[in-house]
Amino acid sequence: MSEPTVLFVTSNRIGDCVISSGVIREIGRQLPGARITVACGRPPAPFFRSAPGVVETIILDKKKMAGHWIDLWKQVAGRRWDLVIDIRGSALAYLIPARRRVIYNRSWETGLRKVEMVSKLMGSDTPLDPEIWLDDQARAEAAAVIDPQLADGAGPGPIIALAPIAHQPGKSWPAERWGQLVERLKAEPRFDGWRFMPVGGPGDRPPATPALEAAGPRGIDFVGKGDILASAAAIARADLFVGNDSGLMHVSAALGGPTLGLFGPTEWWLYGPWGQKTRTAASNEVRGQFAPIEDLTVDHVFDAVIELHDSYIGASSPAKP
């Protein structure tokens, strides 16, 4: 009997891919030995490199007139699939041969957290926790960037990772406030000897600059230094994480580290970081109400970082190697 074949059509955004990553394990539970093909955007594609059961990743580069869906159809329509899962709710899932289909639609949006909604879509009675599948390549790439910087300047110390960018309008806390936050934390005795590590893609350099400048010799630059899996390995080296509502925020939460997400006019109650060691700081803390992220003050974020530190780090906890 041949191994089951599964097509998993997921997002072109890193954050959504992390949120729905529990689907991979659930596929293996429902169809042991399944060979999984993932279709996703280019930025999150490396994320699935070491995922269990994944044998192929098809990159969807968006094209005019839905050309990317036509390209995908050409690659998968000639195969027989035991299961097609489409969390993007596209028509594609209905146009290819499959024994079973699981297709997202708006009716699933009933106020549940996004992780819970995806879990319900898969028929799971318990939440399918997001997961990051680090491999030796990602760890080596992260170490090649971080270790030389730890050896320079201020030397080794605990690391706080910072993600100063989000790729949707209105989600990015002003860049200069990241610099102000670093200055405040440098002066706080709890963070004596800590290193400050901005993380992001190549286009995140300008927003990360104030944080790096404020950090000075205590800074570690991991902006544009690797793909999403290398960035995840870098975040795994950190003791705390503070970031905008972004894919990297969800990566940190999935890794299980203390994570603070900053929110403006988006639903923190739906998209907040998932996990026990997570917190949010929002420009409006009232569920169902919004305010510009510019209303989120440095004082508010600083206090939230201190609370996160005191809850999960404390004065005597050793730094990660």
Protein backbone atom coordinates (compact mmCIF):
# COMPACT_ATOMS: atom_id res chain seq x y z
CA MET A 1 0.00 0.00 0.00
CA SER A 2 1.46 3.37 -1.03
CA GLU A 3 2.01 6.19 1.43
CA PRO A 4 -0.79 8.80 1.62
CA THR A 5 -0.17 12.01 -0.31
CA VAL A 6 -1.26 15.37 1.06
CA LEU A 7 -1.28 18.85 -0.45
CA PHE A 8 -1.21 21.63 2.16
CA VAL A 9 -1.89 25.06 0.66
CA THR A 10 -0.87 27.64 3.21
CA SER A 11 -0.10 31.35 3.35
CA ASN A 12 2.34 33.65 1.64
CA ARG A 13 2.93 35.28 5.06
CA ILE A 14 5.32 33.94 7.66
CA GLY A 15 3.02 34.65 10.59
CA ASP A 16 0.07 32.76 9.14
CA CYS A 17 2.34 29.83 8.27
CA VAL A 18 3.54 29.67 11.87
CA ILE A 19 0.00 29.96 13.27
CA SER A 20 -1.14 27.03 11.13
CA SER A 21 2.03 24.95 11.50
CA GLY A 22 0.33 22.53 13.89
CA VAL A 23 -1.50 21.21 10.85
CA ILE A 24 1.69 19.37 9.84
CA ARG A 25 1.71 17.18 12.97
CA GLU A 26 -2.04 16.66 12.70
CA ILE A 27 -1.65 15.38 9.14
CA GLY A 28 0.83 12.80 10.42
CA ARG A 29 -1.61 11.78 13.15
CA GLN A 30 -4.54 11.39 10.79
CA LEU A 31 -2.52 9.83 7.95
CA PRO A 32 0.58 8.10 9.35
CA GLY A 33 3.48 8.13 6.93
CA ALA A 34 1.91 10.85 4.78
CA ARG A 35 4.07 12.52 2.15
CA ILE A 36 3.22 16.20 2.37
CA THR A 37 3.59 18.81 -0.36
CA VAL A 38 3.39 22.38 0.95
CA ALA A 39 2.43 25.29 -1.30
CA CYS A 40 3.27 28.70 0.19
CA GLY A 41 4.82 32.09 -0.50
CA ARG A 42 8.55 32.54 -1.03
CA PRO A 43 9.44 34.17 2.35
CA PRO A 44 8.05 31.32 4.51
CA ALA A 45 9.19 28.49 2.20
CA PRO A 46 12.40 27.66 4.16
CA PHE A 47 10.26 27.32 7.28
CA PHE A 48 9.05 23.89 6.06
CA ARG A 49 12.50 22.58 5.11
CA SER A 50 12.74 20.22 8.09
CA ALA A 51 9.05 19.79 8.87
CA PRO A 52 8.10 16.13 9.50
CA GLY A 53 6.61 14.42 6.47
CA VAL A 54 7.19 17.34 4.11
CA VAL A 55 8.80 16.06 0.91
CA GLU A 56 8.25 19.05 -1.37
CA THR A 57 7.66 22.79 -1.11
CA ILE A 58 6.08 24.63 -4.04
CA ILE A 59 6.63 28.38 -3.99
CA LEU A 60 3.72 30.61 -4.95
CA ASP A 61 5.00 33.90 -6.34
CA LYS A 62 1.99 36.14 -6.75
CA LYS A 63 1.20 37.00 -10.36
CA LYS A 64 -1.34 39.14 -12.16
CA MET A 65 -4.73 37.67 -13.06
CA ALA A 66 -4.30 34.87 -10.48
CA GLY A 67 -1.46 33.46 -12.53
CA HIS A 68 0.14 31.91 -9.44
CA TRP A 69 -2.91 29.70 -8.93
CA ILE A 70 -2.73 28.56 -12.55
CA ASP A 71 0.94 27.69 -12.09
CA LEU A 72 0.15 25.69 -8.97
CA TRP A 73 -2.73 23.88 -10.66
CA LYS A 74 -0.39 22.81 -13.46
CA GLN A 75 1.99 21.30 -10.91
CA VAL A 76 -0.54 19.40 -8.82
CA ALA A 77 -3.59 18.63 -10.99
CA GLY A 78 -2.01 15.56 -12.57
CA ARG A 79 -1.54 13.82 -9.23
CA ARG A 80 -4.03 11.93 -7.09
CA TRP A 81 -4.18 13.35 -3.58
CA ASP A 82 -5.50 11.55 -0.53
CA LEU A 83 -6.02 14.86 1.26
CA VAL A 84 -5.99 18.50 0.19
CA ILE A 85 -5.92 21.16 2.90
CA ASP A 86 -6.34 24.75 1.77
CA ILE A 87 -6.31 27.37 4.51
CA ARG A 88 -6.50 30.12 1.89
CA GLY A 89 -9.94 29.02 0.74
CA SER A 90 -9.05 29.10 -2.95
CA ALA A 91 -10.97 27.44 -5.76
CA LEU A 92 -7.92 25.31 -6.51
CA ALA A 93 -8.83 22.67 -3.93
CA TYR A 94 -12.04 21.91 -5.84
CA LEU A 95 -10.25 21.59 -9.18
CA ILE A 96 -7.79 18.83 -8.42
CA PRO A 97 -8.54 15.16 -7.74
CA ALA A 98 -8.63 14.35 -4.03
CA ARG A 99 -10.21 11.74 -1.77
CA ARG A 100 -10.84 14.34 0.92
CA ARG A 101 -10.76 18.12 1.07
CA VAL A 102 -10.43 20.51 4.03
CA ILE A 103 -11.01 24.05 2.85
CA TYR A 104 -11.10 27.26 4.86
CA ASN A 105 -14.00 29.65 4.51
CA ARG A 106 -15.17 32.74 6.32
CA SER A 107 -17.79 30.84 8.30
CA TRP A 108 -14.98 29.56 10.53
CA GLU A 109 -14.34 33.09 11.81
CA THR A 110 -16.41 33.02 14.98
CA GLY A 111 -14.15 34.95 17.36
CA LEU A 112 -11.80 32.07 18.13
CA ARG A 113 -8.06 32.61 18.33
CA LYS A 114 -6.53 31.82 14.96
CA VAL A 115 -4.71 28.77 16.29
CA GLU A 116 -7.98 27.44 17.67
CA MET A 117 -9.79 28.15 14.40
CA VAL A 118 -7.24 26.19 12.37
CA SER A 119 -7.43 23.36 14.90
CA LYS A 120 -11.21 23.24 14.56
CA LEU A 121 -10.85 23.23 10.79
CA MET A 122 -8.74 20.06 11.11
CA GLY A 123 -11.25 18.43 13.43
CA SER A 124 -8.97 18.52 16.47
CA ASP A 125 -10.56 18.76 19.91
CA THR A 126 -7.41 20.36 21.32
CA PRO A 127 -5.41 23.30 19.97
CA LEU A 128 -2.73 22.40 17.45
CA ASP A 129 0.21 24.29 18.94
CA PRO A 130 2.46 26.04 16.43
CA GLU A 131 5.89 24.51 16.01
CA ILE A 132 9.29 25.54 14.62
CA TRP A 133 11.47 22.84 13.05
CA LEU A 134 15.03 24.09 13.45
CA ASP A 135 17.74 22.13 11.71
CA ASP A 136 21.53 22.08 11.90
CA GLN A 137 21.82 24.37 8.89
CA ALA A 138 19.70 27.08 10.52
CA ARG A 139 21.58 26.82 13.82
CA ALA A 140 24.92 27.02 12.04
CA GLU A 141 23.85 30.06 10.00
CA ALA A 142 22.67 31.83 13.14
CA ALA A 143 25.83 30.99 15.05
CA ALA A 144 28.03 32.28 12.22
CA VAL A 145 26.43 35.71 12.65
CA ILE A 146 25.90 35.84 16.42
CA ASP A 147 29.03 34.22 17.88
CA PRO A 148 31.57 36.68 16.40
CA GLN A 149 29.48 39.59 17.67
CA LEU A 150 29.27 38.05 21.14
CA ALA A 151 33.04 37.85 21.15
CA ASP A 152 33.34 41.53 20.26
CA GLY A 153 32.30 44.67 22.07
CA ALA A 154 30.58 44.01 25.37
CA GLY A 155 31.21 40.25 25.28
CA PRO A 156 28.70 37.46 25.98
CA GLY A 157 25.54 38.06 27.95
CA PRO A 158 21.82 37.35 27.95
CA ILE A 159 20.11 38.42 24.73
CA ILE A 160 16.88 40.30 24.14
CA ALA A 161 15.69 39.94 20.55
CA LEU A 162 13.83 42.85 18.95
CA ALA A 163 11.66 42.78 15.81
CA PRO A 164 11.10 46.45 14.89
CA ILE A 165 9.16 45.90 11.66
CA ALA A 166 5.87 44.49 10.45
CA HIS A 167 4.98 44.36 6.78
CA GLN A 168 1.43 45.64 7.00
CA PRO A 169 0.51 49.32 7.33
CA GLY A 170 -0.10 50.47 10.88
CA LYS A 171 1.59 47.52 12.61
CA SER A 172 5.06 48.99 13.07
CA TRP A 173 5.85 50.83 16.30
CA PRO A 174 7.78 54.00 15.37
CA ALA A 175 11.45 53.25 14.76
CA GLU A 176 12.74 55.95 17.09
CA ARG A 177 10.83 54.42 20.00
CA TRP A 178 12.78 51.20 19.60
CA GLY A 179 15.91 53.23 20.19
CA GLN A 180 14.33 54.89 23.22
CA LEU A 181 13.27 51.51 24.59
CA VAL A 182 16.82 50.17 24.27
CA GLU A 183 18.17 53.23 26.09
CA ARG A 184 15.68 52.65 28.92
CA LEU A 185 16.55 48.96 29.18
CA LYS A 186 20.30 49.66 29.14
CA ALA A 187 19.81 51.86 32.20
CA GLU A 188 17.68 49.25 34.01
CA PRO A 189 19.69 47.10 36.48
CA ARG A 190 17.74 43.97 35.45
CA PHE A 191 19.32 44.25 32.00
CA ASP A 192 22.85 44.96 33.08
CA GLY A 193 25.15 43.07 30.71
CA TRP A 194 22.38 42.11 28.30
CA ARG A 195 22.85 42.24 24.54
CA PHE A 196 20.26 43.73 22.19
CA MET A 197 19.62 41.85 18.92
CA PRO A 198 17.34 43.31 16.23
CA VAL A 199 16.11 40.57 13.89
CA GLY A 200 14.49 40.99 10.50
CA GLY A 201 14.73 40.69 6.75
CA PRO A 202 16.85 42.75 4.34
CA GLY A 203 14.18 45.45 4.04
CA ASP A 204 14.01 45.93 7.80
CA ARG A 205 17.32 47.78 8.04
CA PRO A 206 15.99 51.36 8.40
CA PRO A 207 13.48 50.59 11.21
CA ALA A 208 16.11 48.58 13.08
CA THR A 209 18.77 51.30 12.90
CA PRO A 210 17.70 53.34 15.97
CA ALA A 211 17.73 50.21 18.17
CA LEU A 212 21.18 49.20 16.93
CA GLU A 213 22.55 52.71 17.36
CA ALA A 214 21.19 52.88 20.91
CA ALA A 215 22.64 49.46 21.74
CA GLY A 216 26.12 50.48 20.65
CA PRO A 217 28.75 47.83 21.56
CA ARG A 218 25.99 45.78 23.22
CA GLY A 219 24.15 45.35 19.92
CA ILE A 220 23.96 42.19 17.82
CA ASP A 221 22.92 42.78 14.23
CA PHE A 222 20.74 40.01 12.78
CA VAL A 223 18.85 42.13 10.27
CA GLY A 224 18.89 40.63 6.79
CA LYS A 225 21.39 37.98 7.86
CA GLY A 226 19.44 34.83 6.96
CA ASP A 227 16.16 33.27 5.87
CA ILE A 228 13.23 32.70 8.20
CA LEU A 229 14.64 29.48 9.64
CA ALA A 230 18.03 31.10 10.38
CA SER A 231 16.18 34.01 11.99
CA ALA A 232 14.22 31.52 14.07
CA ALA A 233 17.49 29.91 15.19
CA ALA A 234 18.75 33.36 16.17
CA ILE A 235 15.58 34.05 18.18
CA ALA A 236 16.01 30.66 19.88
CA ARG A 237 19.32 31.99 21.21
CA ALA A 238 17.53 34.90 22.91
CA ASP A 239 16.24 34.98 26.48
CA LEU A 240 13.45 37.47 25.77
CA PHE A 241 11.72 38.72 22.63
CA VAL A 242 9.90 41.99 21.92
CA GLY A 243 8.38 42.58 18.51
CA ASN A 244 5.59 44.07 16.46
CA ASP A 245 2.63 41.95 15.40
CA SER A 246 4.64 40.03 12.84
CA GLY A 247 5.81 36.62 11.72
CA LEU A 248 8.87 36.82 13.96
CA MET A 249 6.64 37.41 16.98
CA HIS A 250 4.81 34.18 16.22
CA VAL A 251 8.13 32.40 15.67
CA SER A 252 9.33 33.42 19.13
CA ALA A 253 6.10 32.29 20.78
CA ALA A 254 6.22 28.95 18.97
CA LEU A 255 9.78 28.43 20.19
CA GLY A 256 8.45 28.75 23.74
CA GLY A 257 10.50 31.76 24.80
CA PRO A 258 9.12 34.74 26.76
CA THR A 259 7.50 36.87 24.06
CA LEU A 260 5.96 40.33 24.07
CA GLY A 261 3.92 41.38 21.03
CA LEU A 262 3.15 45.05 20.30
CA PHE A 263 -0.25 45.82 18.79
CA GLY A 264 -1.95 48.84 17.31
CA PRO A 265 -5.07 48.64 15.11
CA THR A 266 -5.18 44.84 14.85
CA GLU A 267 -6.97 42.20 16.90
CA TRP A 268 -4.53 41.25 19.66
CA TRP A 269 -7.22 38.98 21.11
CA LEU A 270 -7.18 36.92 17.88
CA TYR A 271 -3.62 37.30 16.62
CA GLY A 272 -1.66 37.63 19.85
CA PRO A 273 1.34 35.34 20.40
CA TRP A 274 0.27 31.79 21.31
CA GLY A 275 1.88 30.17 24.32
CA GLN A 276 2.22 30.24 28.09
CA LYS A 277 5.13 32.69 28.18
CA THR A 278 3.51 35.38 26.06
CA ARG A 279 2.20 38.86 26.64
CA THR A 280 0.77 41.69 24.54
CA ALA A 281 1.09 45.45 24.86
CA ALA A 282 -1.60 47.23 22.85
CA SER A 283 -2.32 50.86 22.11
CA ASN A 284 -5.87 50.06 23.20
CA GLU A 285 -6.22 47.22 25.73
CA VAL A 286 -10.02 47.01 25.39
CA ARG A 287 -11.10 44.02 23.32
CA GLY A 288 -12.93 45.18 20.22
CA GLN A 289 -11.49 48.69 20.31
CA PHE A 290 -8.50 50.05 18.45
CA ALA A 291 -6.02 52.90 18.48
CA PRO A 292 -3.04 53.76 16.29
CA ILE A 293 0.15 51.99 17.28
CA GLU A 294 1.66 55.46 17.71
CA ASP A 295 -0.47 55.70 20.87
CA LEU A 296 1.60 52.90 22.40
CA THR A 297 4.10 54.68 24.63
CA VAL A 298 7.67 53.76 25.52
CA ASP A 299 6.63 53.68 29.18
CA HIS A 300 3.91 51.14 28.43
CA VAL A 301 6.24 48.86 26.50
CA PHE A 302 9.06 49.24 29.03
CA ASP A 303 6.72 48.23 31.86
CA ALA A 304 5.53 45.22 29.85
CA VAL A 305 9.13 44.11 29.21
CA ILE A 306 9.90 44.38 32.94
CA GLU A 307 6.83 42.30 33.80
CA LEU A 308 7.80 39.67 31.24
CA HIS A 309 11.35 39.54 32.60
CA ASP A 310 10.23 39.25 36.21
CA SER A 311 7.73 36.53 35.36
CA TYR A 312 10.04 34.24 33.41
CA ILE A 313 13.66 35.27 33.82
CA GLY A 314 14.28 36.72 37.30
CA ALA A 315 17.57 37.97 38.62
CA SER A 316 19.38 34.65 38.85
CA SER A 317 18.46 32.81 35.64
CA PRO A 318 21.48 32.03 33.44
CA ALA A 319 21.71 33.22 29.85
CA LYS A 320 21.20 30.79 27.00
CA PRO A 321 24.38 29.38 25.46
